[in-house]
Amino acid sequence: MQEREMVNDILATVNSSITKYGSIIAECDNQQLRQTFQTLRDGDEKFQYDLYKIASQKGYYKPAAQATEQEIQQVKSQLSQG
């Protein structure tokens, strides 16, 4: 497996973990356990961002182009309509 593939695979895995942590945190009734999951999520978010910066610098990951003001307004309009 090439380095680029490994980095993208790790990013996808960490993104999935972050999403799952969000669901677990939202449903967790035990405050101490909730804080533990929040700490784990925060660590994964930092790791993900650090790895993203490295991947971006190496050209492994290209973020989507920024939305235009017109596209932003269109989405806002659609969301406000229900």
N, C-alpha and C. Protein backbone atom coordinates (compact mmCIF):
# COMPACT_ATOMS: atom_id res chain seq x y z
N MET A 1 0.85 -1.18 0.00
CA MET A 1 0.00 0.00 0.00
C MET A 1 0.90 1.24 0.00
N GLN A 2 0.58 2.18 -0.85
CA GLN A 2 1.34 3.42 -0.95
C GLN A 2 1.02 4.34 0.24
N GLU A 3 1.95 5.25 0.52
CA GLU A 3 1.76 6.18 1.64
C GLU A 3 0.47 6.98 1.48
N ARG A 4 0.20 7.45 0.27
CA ARG A 4 -1.01 8.24 0.02
C ARG A 4 -2.27 7.45 0.38
N GLU A 5 -2.33 6.20 -0.02
CA GLU A 5 -3.48 5.35 0.28
C GLU A 5 -3.62 5.14 1.78
N MET A 6 -2.49 4.94 2.46
CA MET A 6 -2.53 4.74 3.91
C MET A 6 -3.06 5.99 4.62
N VAL A 7 -2.58 7.15 4.20
CA VAL A 7 -3.03 8.40 4.82
C VAL A 7 -4.52 8.59 4.61
N ASN A 8 -4.99 8.38 3.37
CA ASN A 8 -6.42 8.55 3.10
C ASN A 8 -7.26 7.53 3.86
N ASP A 9 -6.76 6.31 4.00
CA ASP A 9 -7.46 5.28 4.77
C ASP A 9 -7.56 5.67 6.24
N ILE A 10 -6.46 6.16 6.79
CA ILE A 10 -6.45 6.60 8.19
C ILE A 10 -7.41 7.76 8.39
N LEU A 11 -7.39 8.73 7.47
CA LEU A 11 -8.31 9.87 7.58
C LEU A 11 -9.77 9.41 7.56
N ALA A 12 -10.09 8.48 6.67
CA ALA A 12 -11.47 7.98 6.60
C ALA A 12 -11.85 7.25 7.89
N THR A 13 -10.94 6.47 8.43
CA THR A 13 -11.21 5.74 9.67
C THR A 13 -11.41 6.70 10.84
N VAL A 14 -10.55 7.70 10.95
CA VAL A 14 -10.67 8.67 12.04
C VAL A 14 -11.96 9.47 11.90
N ASN A 15 -12.31 9.86 10.67
CA ASN A 15 -13.56 10.59 10.46
C ASN A 15 -14.76 9.76 10.92
N SER A 16 -14.74 8.48 10.61
CA SER A 16 -15.81 7.59 11.04
C SER A 16 -15.87 7.50 12.57
N SER A 17 -14.72 7.40 13.20
CA SER A 17 -14.67 7.34 14.67
C SER A 17 -15.23 8.61 15.29
N ILE A 18 -14.88 9.75 14.73
CA ILE A 18 -15.36 11.03 15.26
C ILE A 18 -16.88 11.09 15.17
N THR A 19 -17.43 10.63 14.07
CA THR A 19 -18.89 10.61 13.90
C THR A 19 -19.53 9.70 14.94
N LYS A 20 -18.95 8.54 15.15
CA LYS A 20 -19.50 7.59 16.12
C LYS A 20 -19.41 8.14 17.54
N TYR A 21 -18.30 8.81 17.86
CA TYR A 21 -18.18 9.43 19.18
C TYR A 21 -19.32 10.42 19.40
N GLY A 22 -19.65 11.19 18.39
CA GLY A 22 -20.73 12.17 18.52
C GLY A 22 -22.04 11.51 18.90
N SER A 23 -22.35 10.39 18.26
CA SER A 23 -23.58 9.66 18.57
C SER A 23 -23.55 9.11 19.99
N ILE A 24 -22.41 8.55 20.37
CA ILE A 24 -22.28 7.98 21.72
C ILE A 24 -22.42 9.07 22.78
N ILE A 25 -21.76 10.19 22.56
CA ILE A 25 -21.80 11.30 23.52
C ILE A 25 -23.23 11.81 23.69
N ALA A 26 -23.94 11.92 22.58
CA ALA A 26 -25.31 12.43 22.64
C ALA A 26 -26.23 11.51 23.44
N GLU A 27 -25.94 10.23 23.46
CA GLU A 27 -26.81 9.26 24.13
C GLU A 27 -26.29 8.81 25.50
N CYS A 28 -25.15 9.31 25.92
CA CYS A 28 -24.52 8.86 27.16
C CYS A 28 -25.12 9.58 28.37
N ASP A 29 -25.60 8.81 29.33
CA ASP A 29 -26.22 9.37 30.53
C ASP A 29 -25.22 9.56 31.66
N ASN A 30 -24.18 8.74 31.69
CA ASN A 30 -23.17 8.80 32.74
C ASN A 30 -22.17 9.92 32.42
N GLN A 31 -22.13 10.94 33.28
CA GLN A 31 -21.32 12.13 33.01
C GLN A 31 -19.83 11.82 32.90
N GLN A 32 -19.32 10.95 33.75
CA GLN A 32 -17.89 10.61 33.70
C GLN A 32 -17.55 9.88 32.40
N LEU A 33 -18.40 8.95 32.00
CA LEU A 33 -18.19 8.22 30.75
C LEU A 33 -18.32 9.17 29.55
N ARG A 34 -19.28 10.08 29.64
CA ARG A 34 -19.47 11.08 28.58
C ARG A 34 -18.21 11.93 28.41
N GLN A 35 -17.63 12.36 29.51
CA GLN A 35 -16.41 13.17 29.45
C GLN A 35 -15.24 12.37 28.86
N THR A 36 -15.20 11.09 29.18
CA THR A 36 -14.15 10.23 28.62
C THR A 36 -14.27 10.17 27.10
N PHE A 37 -15.50 9.97 26.61
CA PHE A 37 -15.71 9.93 25.16
C PHE A 37 -15.42 11.29 24.52
N GLN A 38 -15.75 12.37 25.21
CA GLN A 38 -15.45 13.70 24.68
C GLN A 38 -13.94 13.91 24.56
N THR A 39 -13.20 13.43 25.55
CA THR A 39 -11.73 13.54 25.51
C THR A 39 -11.16 12.72 24.35
N LEU A 40 -11.69 11.51 24.17
CA LEU A 40 -11.24 10.67 23.05
C LEU A 40 -11.56 11.33 21.71
N ARG A 41 -12.77 11.88 21.59
CA ARG A 41 -13.15 12.56 20.36
C ARG A 41 -12.25 13.76 20.09
N ASP A 42 -11.99 14.55 21.13
CA ASP A 42 -11.13 15.73 20.97
C ASP A 42 -9.73 15.32 20.49
N GLY A 43 -9.21 14.24 21.04
CA GLY A 43 -7.90 13.75 20.62
C GLY A 43 -7.90 13.31 19.16
N ASP A 44 -8.97 12.61 18.77
CA ASP A 44 -9.09 12.18 17.37
C ASP A 44 -9.23 13.37 16.43
N GLU A 45 -9.97 14.40 16.86
CA GLU A 45 -10.12 15.58 16.02
C GLU A 45 -8.78 16.29 15.82
N LYS A 46 -7.98 16.37 16.87
CA LYS A 46 -6.66 16.99 16.74
C LYS A 46 -5.77 16.16 15.82
N PHE A 47 -5.77 14.83 16.02
CA PHE A 47 -4.99 13.94 15.17
C PHE A 47 -5.43 14.07 13.71
N GLN A 48 -6.74 14.09 13.49
CA GLN A 48 -7.27 14.18 12.13
C GLN A 48 -6.83 15.48 11.47
N TYR A 49 -6.90 16.58 12.20
CA TYR A 49 -6.51 17.87 11.63
C TYR A 49 -5.01 17.91 11.33
N ASP A 50 -4.20 17.39 12.24
CA ASP A 50 -2.75 17.35 12.01
C ASP A 50 -2.41 16.49 10.79
N LEU A 51 -3.05 15.33 10.67
CA LEU A 51 -2.80 14.46 9.53
C LEU A 51 -3.32 15.10 8.24
N TYR A 52 -4.46 15.76 8.31
CA TYR A 52 -5.00 16.46 7.14
C TYR A 52 -4.01 17.51 6.64
N LYS A 53 -3.40 18.27 7.57
CA LYS A 53 -2.44 19.30 7.16
C LYS A 53 -1.25 18.67 6.45
N ILE A 54 -0.76 17.56 6.97
CA ILE A 54 0.37 16.86 6.33
C ILE A 54 -0.05 16.35 4.95
N ALA A 55 -1.22 15.72 4.88
CA ALA A 55 -1.70 15.18 3.61
C ALA A 55 -1.90 16.29 2.59
N SER A 56 -2.40 17.41 3.03
CA SER A 56 -2.62 18.55 2.14
C SER A 56 -1.29 19.09 1.63
N GLN A 57 -0.30 19.20 2.51
CA GLN A 57 1.02 19.69 2.11
C GLN A 57 1.68 18.77 1.09
N LYS A 58 1.44 17.47 1.22
CA LYS A 58 2.04 16.50 0.30
C LYS A 58 1.22 16.34 -0.98
N GLY A 59 0.06 17.01 -1.04
CA GLY A 59 -0.79 16.89 -2.21
C GLY A 59 -1.64 15.64 -2.24
N TYR A 60 -1.75 14.96 -1.09
CA TYR A 60 -2.55 13.73 -1.01
C TYR A 60 -4.03 14.02 -0.89
N TYR A 61 -4.36 15.18 -0.42
CA TYR A 61 -5.75 15.51 -0.13
C TYR A 61 -6.03 16.91 -0.63
N LYS A 62 -7.04 17.03 -1.45
CA LYS A 62 -7.42 18.33 -1.97
C LYS A 62 -8.84 18.63 -1.50
N PRO A 63 -9.01 19.65 -0.68
CA PRO A 63 -10.36 19.98 -0.23
C PRO A 63 -11.20 20.50 -1.39
N ALA A 64 -12.49 20.41 -1.25
CA ALA A 64 -13.40 20.93 -2.27
C ALA A 64 -13.22 22.43 -2.39
N ALA A 65 -13.52 22.94 -3.56
CA ALA A 65 -13.43 24.38 -3.78
C ALA A 65 -14.43 25.10 -2.88
N GLN A 66 -14.08 26.32 -2.49
CA GLN A 66 -14.99 27.09 -1.64
C GLN A 66 -16.26 27.43 -2.41
N ALA A 67 -17.36 27.40 -1.70
CA ALA A 67 -18.65 27.74 -2.31
C ALA A 67 -18.70 29.23 -2.59
N THR A 68 -19.39 29.57 -3.66
CA THR A 68 -19.59 30.98 -3.98
C THR A 68 -20.67 31.54 -3.07
N GLU A 69 -20.75 32.85 -2.99
CA GLU A 69 -21.79 33.49 -2.18
C GLU A 69 -23.17 33.08 -2.68
N GLN A 70 -23.33 32.97 -3.99
CA GLN A 70 -24.62 32.56 -4.57
C GLN A 70 -24.99 31.14 -4.12
N GLU A 71 -24.02 30.23 -4.12
CA GLU A 71 -24.29 28.86 -3.68
C GLU A 71 -24.66 28.81 -2.20
N ILE A 72 -23.99 29.61 -1.40
CA ILE A 72 -24.29 29.68 0.03
C ILE A 72 -25.71 30.17 0.25
N GLN A 73 -26.08 31.23 -0.44
CA GLN A 73 -27.43 31.78 -0.29
C GLN A 73 -28.49 30.79 -0.76
N GLN A 74 -28.19 30.04 -1.82
CA GLN A 74 -29.13 29.05 -2.33
C GLN A 74 -29.38 27.96 -1.28
N VAL A 75 -28.32 27.48 -0.65
CA VAL A 75 -28.47 26.44 0.38
C VAL A 75 -29.22 27.00 1.58
N LYS A 76 -28.89 28.22 2.00
CA LYS A 76 -29.60 28.84 3.12
C LYS A 76 -31.09 28.93 2.83
N SER A 77 -31.41 29.33 1.61
CA SER A 77 -32.81 29.46 1.21
C SER A 77 -33.51 28.11 1.25
N GLN A 78 -32.86 27.09 0.72
CA GLN A 78 -33.45 25.75 0.71
C GLN A 78 -33.67 25.22 2.13
N LEU A 79 -32.71 25.46 3.01
CA LEU A 79 -32.83 24.97 4.38
C LEU A 79 -33.89 25.71 5.18
N SER A 80 -34.05 26.99 4.90
CA SER A 80 -35.04 27.77 5.65
C SER A 80 -36.46 27.45 5.20
N GLN A 81 -36.61 26.86 4.02
CA GLN A 81 -37.94 26.50 3.52
C GLN A 81 -38.43 25.17 4.07
N GLY A 82 -37.57 24.47 4.72
CA GLY A 82 -37.98 23.23 5.36
C GLY A 82 -37.41 22.06 4.71
